[in-house]
Amino acid sequence: MTRTDELVADRRIRSVANHATHVALHVECPQCGAVHVYRTGRRWEEARVRAADRAAAQSAVDAAVVTARAARVGIPA
């Protein structure tokens, strides 16, 4: 809610799930009372960066296709 770092008591941790790429902590928020999921881990961050890189590369390809199509049809880009 506040987008700030906040220390919470151990009793607010609802569950911990160990995954192959990350550890997920389900923590009850002291501000709103909802349960938020926090993921940690080096492989989680690496996977997130790879996904962002793929999306950026796909955007570049899409832009090149649009430019090429506009040139073929004779529309100024």
N, C-alpha and C. Protein backbone atom coordinates (compact mmCIF):
# COMPACT_ATOMS: atom_id res chain seq x y z
N MET A 1 0.83 -1.19 0.00
CA MET A 1 0.00 0.00 0.00
C MET A 1 0.87 1.26 0.00
N THR A 2 1.82 1.32 0.92
CA THR A 2 2.61 2.54 1.06
C THR A 2 3.85 2.53 0.17
N ARG A 3 4.15 1.38 -0.46
CA ARG A 3 5.34 1.24 -1.31
C ARG A 3 6.63 1.55 -0.55
N THR A 4 6.67 1.26 0.72
CA THR A 4 7.86 1.46 1.53
C THR A 4 8.27 0.13 2.14
N ASP A 5 9.54 0.02 2.49
CA ASP A 5 10.00 -1.16 3.20
C ASP A 5 9.53 -1.07 4.64
N GLU A 6 9.10 -2.20 5.15
CA GLU A 6 8.59 -2.19 6.51
C GLU A 6 8.92 -3.53 7.16
N LEU A 7 9.42 -3.48 8.36
CA LEU A 7 9.66 -4.71 9.09
C LEU A 7 8.35 -5.20 9.67
N VAL A 8 8.12 -6.50 9.61
CA VAL A 8 6.91 -7.07 10.18
C VAL A 8 7.31 -8.17 11.16
N ALA A 9 6.45 -8.43 12.10
CA ALA A 9 6.71 -9.47 13.09
C ALA A 9 6.62 -10.85 12.46
N ASP A 10 7.33 -11.80 13.05
CA ASP A 10 7.30 -13.18 12.54
C ASP A 10 5.89 -13.74 12.50
N ARG A 11 5.05 -13.33 13.41
CA ARG A 11 3.70 -13.88 13.47
C ARG A 11 2.86 -13.48 12.26
N ARG A 12 3.31 -12.48 11.49
CA ARG A 12 2.58 -12.05 10.29
C ARG A 12 2.89 -12.92 9.08
N ILE A 13 3.93 -13.74 9.14
CA ILE A 13 4.26 -14.64 8.03
C ILE A 13 3.25 -15.79 8.05
N ARG A 14 2.51 -15.93 6.95
CA ARG A 14 1.46 -16.95 6.88
C ARG A 14 1.99 -18.26 6.33
N SER A 15 2.86 -18.20 5.32
CA SER A 15 3.44 -19.43 4.78
C SER A 15 4.71 -19.10 4.02
N VAL A 16 5.53 -20.13 3.85
CA VAL A 16 6.76 -20.04 3.06
C VAL A 16 6.74 -21.20 2.08
N ALA A 17 6.92 -20.90 0.81
CA ALA A 17 6.93 -21.94 -0.22
C ALA A 17 8.27 -21.92 -0.93
N ASN A 18 8.94 -23.06 -0.95
CA ASN A 18 10.24 -23.17 -1.60
C ASN A 18 10.03 -23.71 -3.01
N HIS A 19 10.32 -22.89 -4.01
CA HIS A 19 10.19 -23.28 -5.41
C HIS A 19 11.58 -23.48 -6.00
N ALA A 20 11.65 -24.02 -7.20
CA ALA A 20 12.95 -24.25 -7.85
C ALA A 20 13.68 -22.95 -8.15
N THR A 21 12.94 -21.89 -8.46
CA THR A 21 13.58 -20.63 -8.84
C THR A 21 13.56 -19.57 -7.75
N HIS A 22 12.75 -19.76 -6.71
CA HIS A 22 12.64 -18.72 -5.70
C HIS A 22 11.97 -19.26 -4.44
N VAL A 23 12.01 -18.43 -3.41
CA VAL A 23 11.28 -18.71 -2.18
C VAL A 23 10.17 -17.66 -2.10
N ALA A 24 8.95 -18.10 -1.85
CA ALA A 24 7.82 -17.19 -1.77
C ALA A 24 7.35 -17.10 -0.32
N LEU A 25 7.30 -15.89 0.21
CA LEU A 25 6.79 -15.65 1.56
C LEU A 25 5.43 -14.99 1.44
N HIS A 26 4.44 -15.56 2.10
CA HIS A 26 3.11 -14.97 2.16
C HIS A 26 3.02 -14.26 3.50
N VAL A 27 2.90 -12.93 3.44
CA VAL A 27 2.97 -12.11 4.65
C VAL A 27 1.70 -11.28 4.78
N GLU A 28 1.13 -11.27 5.98
CA GLU A 28 -0.04 -10.43 6.24
C GLU A 28 0.43 -8.99 6.43
N CYS A 29 -0.17 -8.09 5.67
CA CYS A 29 0.22 -6.68 5.69
C CYS A 29 -0.31 -6.01 6.96
N PRO A 30 0.55 -5.32 7.70
CA PRO A 30 0.07 -4.62 8.90
C PRO A 30 -0.79 -3.40 8.56
N GLN A 31 -0.68 -2.89 7.34
CA GLN A 31 -1.45 -1.71 6.95
C GLN A 31 -2.86 -2.05 6.52
N CYS A 32 -2.99 -3.01 5.58
CA CYS A 32 -4.30 -3.30 5.00
C CYS A 32 -4.88 -4.63 5.45
N GLY A 33 -4.07 -5.49 6.02
CA GLY A 33 -4.55 -6.77 6.49
C GLY A 33 -4.58 -7.86 5.43
N ALA A 34 -4.31 -7.51 4.17
CA ALA A 34 -4.30 -8.50 3.09
C ALA A 34 -2.98 -9.29 3.14
N VAL A 35 -2.97 -10.43 2.48
CA VAL A 35 -1.76 -11.25 2.41
C VAL A 35 -1.05 -10.92 1.10
N HIS A 36 0.21 -10.51 1.20
CA HIS A 36 1.03 -10.19 0.04
C HIS A 36 2.09 -11.27 -0.12
N VAL A 37 2.52 -11.52 -1.36
CA VAL A 37 3.54 -12.52 -1.65
C VAL A 37 4.83 -11.80 -2.01
N TYR A 38 5.91 -12.18 -1.34
CA TYR A 38 7.23 -11.63 -1.63
C TYR A 38 8.10 -12.79 -2.10
N ARG A 39 8.72 -12.60 -3.26
CA ARG A 39 9.56 -13.65 -3.84
C ARG A 39 11.01 -13.21 -3.75
N THR A 40 11.87 -14.14 -3.38
CA THR A 40 13.29 -13.84 -3.26
C THR A 40 14.06 -14.92 -3.99
N GLY A 41 15.26 -14.61 -4.38
CA GLY A 41 16.12 -15.62 -4.99
C GLY A 41 16.81 -15.14 -6.23
N ARG A 42 18.05 -15.59 -6.38
CA ARG A 42 18.86 -15.19 -7.52
C ARG A 42 18.26 -15.69 -8.83
N ARG A 43 17.82 -16.95 -8.87
CA ARG A 43 17.27 -17.49 -10.12
C ARG A 43 15.95 -16.81 -10.49
N TRP A 44 15.18 -16.36 -9.50
CA TRP A 44 13.94 -15.62 -9.76
C TRP A 44 14.27 -14.32 -10.49
N GLU A 45 15.27 -13.60 -10.01
CA GLU A 45 15.66 -12.34 -10.64
C GLU A 45 16.22 -12.57 -12.04
N GLU A 46 17.02 -13.62 -12.20
CA GLU A 46 17.57 -13.92 -13.52
C GLU A 46 16.46 -14.24 -14.52
N ALA A 47 15.47 -15.00 -14.09
CA ALA A 47 14.34 -15.33 -14.97
C ALA A 47 13.55 -14.08 -15.33
N ARG A 48 13.39 -13.19 -14.37
CA ARG A 48 12.66 -11.95 -14.62
C ARG A 48 13.40 -11.08 -15.63
N VAL A 49 14.72 -11.00 -15.51
CA VAL A 49 15.53 -10.21 -16.43
C VAL A 49 15.48 -10.82 -17.84
N ARG A 50 15.56 -12.16 -17.92
CA ARG A 50 15.47 -12.82 -19.24
C ARG A 50 14.14 -12.53 -19.92
N ALA A 51 13.07 -12.55 -19.16
CA ALA A 51 11.74 -12.28 -19.73
C ALA A 51 11.66 -10.84 -20.23
N ALA A 52 12.23 -9.91 -19.48
CA ALA A 52 12.22 -8.50 -19.89
C ALA A 52 13.06 -8.32 -21.16
N ASP A 53 14.19 -9.01 -21.25
CA ASP A 53 15.03 -8.92 -22.44
C ASP A 53 14.32 -9.48 -23.67
N ARG A 54 13.61 -10.61 -23.49
CA ARG A 54 12.84 -11.18 -24.60
C ARG A 54 11.76 -10.22 -25.08
N ALA A 55 11.09 -9.57 -24.13
CA ALA A 55 10.03 -8.62 -24.49
C ALA A 55 10.61 -7.43 -25.25
N ALA A 56 11.76 -6.94 -24.82
CA ALA A 56 12.40 -5.82 -25.52
C ALA A 56 12.82 -6.22 -26.93
N ALA A 57 13.36 -7.41 -27.07
CA ALA A 57 13.77 -7.88 -28.39
C ALA A 57 12.56 -8.04 -29.31
N GLN A 58 11.47 -8.56 -28.78
CA GLN A 58 10.25 -8.73 -29.58
C GLN A 58 9.70 -7.37 -29.99
N SER A 59 9.77 -6.37 -29.12
CA SER A 59 9.31 -5.02 -29.46
C SER A 59 10.13 -4.44 -30.61
N ALA A 60 11.44 -4.69 -30.59
CA ALA A 60 12.30 -4.20 -31.67
C ALA A 60 11.95 -4.87 -32.99
N VAL A 61 11.68 -6.17 -32.94
CA VAL A 61 11.28 -6.89 -34.15
C VAL A 61 9.95 -6.36 -34.66
N ASP A 62 9.00 -6.16 -33.76
CA ASP A 62 7.69 -5.63 -34.17
C ASP A 62 7.81 -4.26 -34.81
N ALA A 63 8.67 -3.39 -34.26
CA ALA A 63 8.87 -2.06 -34.82
C ALA A 63 9.49 -2.14 -36.21
N ALA A 64 10.43 -3.07 -36.40
CA ALA A 64 11.06 -3.23 -37.71
C ALA A 64 10.05 -3.74 -38.74
N VAL A 65 9.16 -4.63 -38.33
CA VAL A 65 8.14 -5.15 -39.24
C VAL A 65 7.19 -4.03 -39.66
N VAL A 66 6.79 -3.19 -38.72
CA VAL A 66 5.88 -2.09 -39.03
C VAL A 66 6.55 -1.12 -39.99
N THR A 67 7.82 -0.80 -39.75
CA THR A 67 8.55 0.12 -40.62
C THR A 67 8.70 -0.47 -42.03
N ALA A 68 9.05 -1.75 -42.11
CA ALA A 68 9.20 -2.40 -43.41
C ALA A 68 7.86 -2.44 -44.15
N ARG A 69 6.79 -2.73 -43.44
CA ARG A 69 5.48 -2.79 -44.07
C ARG A 69 5.07 -1.40 -44.58
N ALA A 70 5.35 -0.36 -43.79
CA ALA A 70 5.00 1.00 -44.20
C ALA A 70 5.82 1.40 -45.43
N ALA A 71 7.08 1.00 -45.48
CA ALA A 71 7.92 1.34 -46.65
C ALA A 71 7.42 0.61 -47.90
N ARG A 72 6.98 -0.62 -47.73
CA ARG A 72 6.50 -1.40 -48.85
C ARG A 72 5.22 -0.81 -49.44
N VAL A 73 4.36 -0.30 -48.56
CA VAL A 73 3.08 0.26 -49.00
C VAL A 73 3.24 1.70 -49.47
N GLY A 74 4.35 2.33 -49.06
CA GLY A 74 4.59 3.72 -49.49
C GLY A 74 4.10 4.76 -48.48
N ILE A 75 3.88 4.33 -47.25
CA ILE A 75 3.46 5.28 -46.21
C ILE A 75 4.69 5.79 -45.49
N PRO A 76 4.84 7.11 -45.37
CA PRO A 76 6.00 7.63 -44.63
C PRO A 76 5.92 7.21 -43.16
N ALA A 77 7.04 6.75 -42.62
CA ALA A 77 7.10 6.26 -41.24
C ALA A 77 7.17 7.38 -40.23
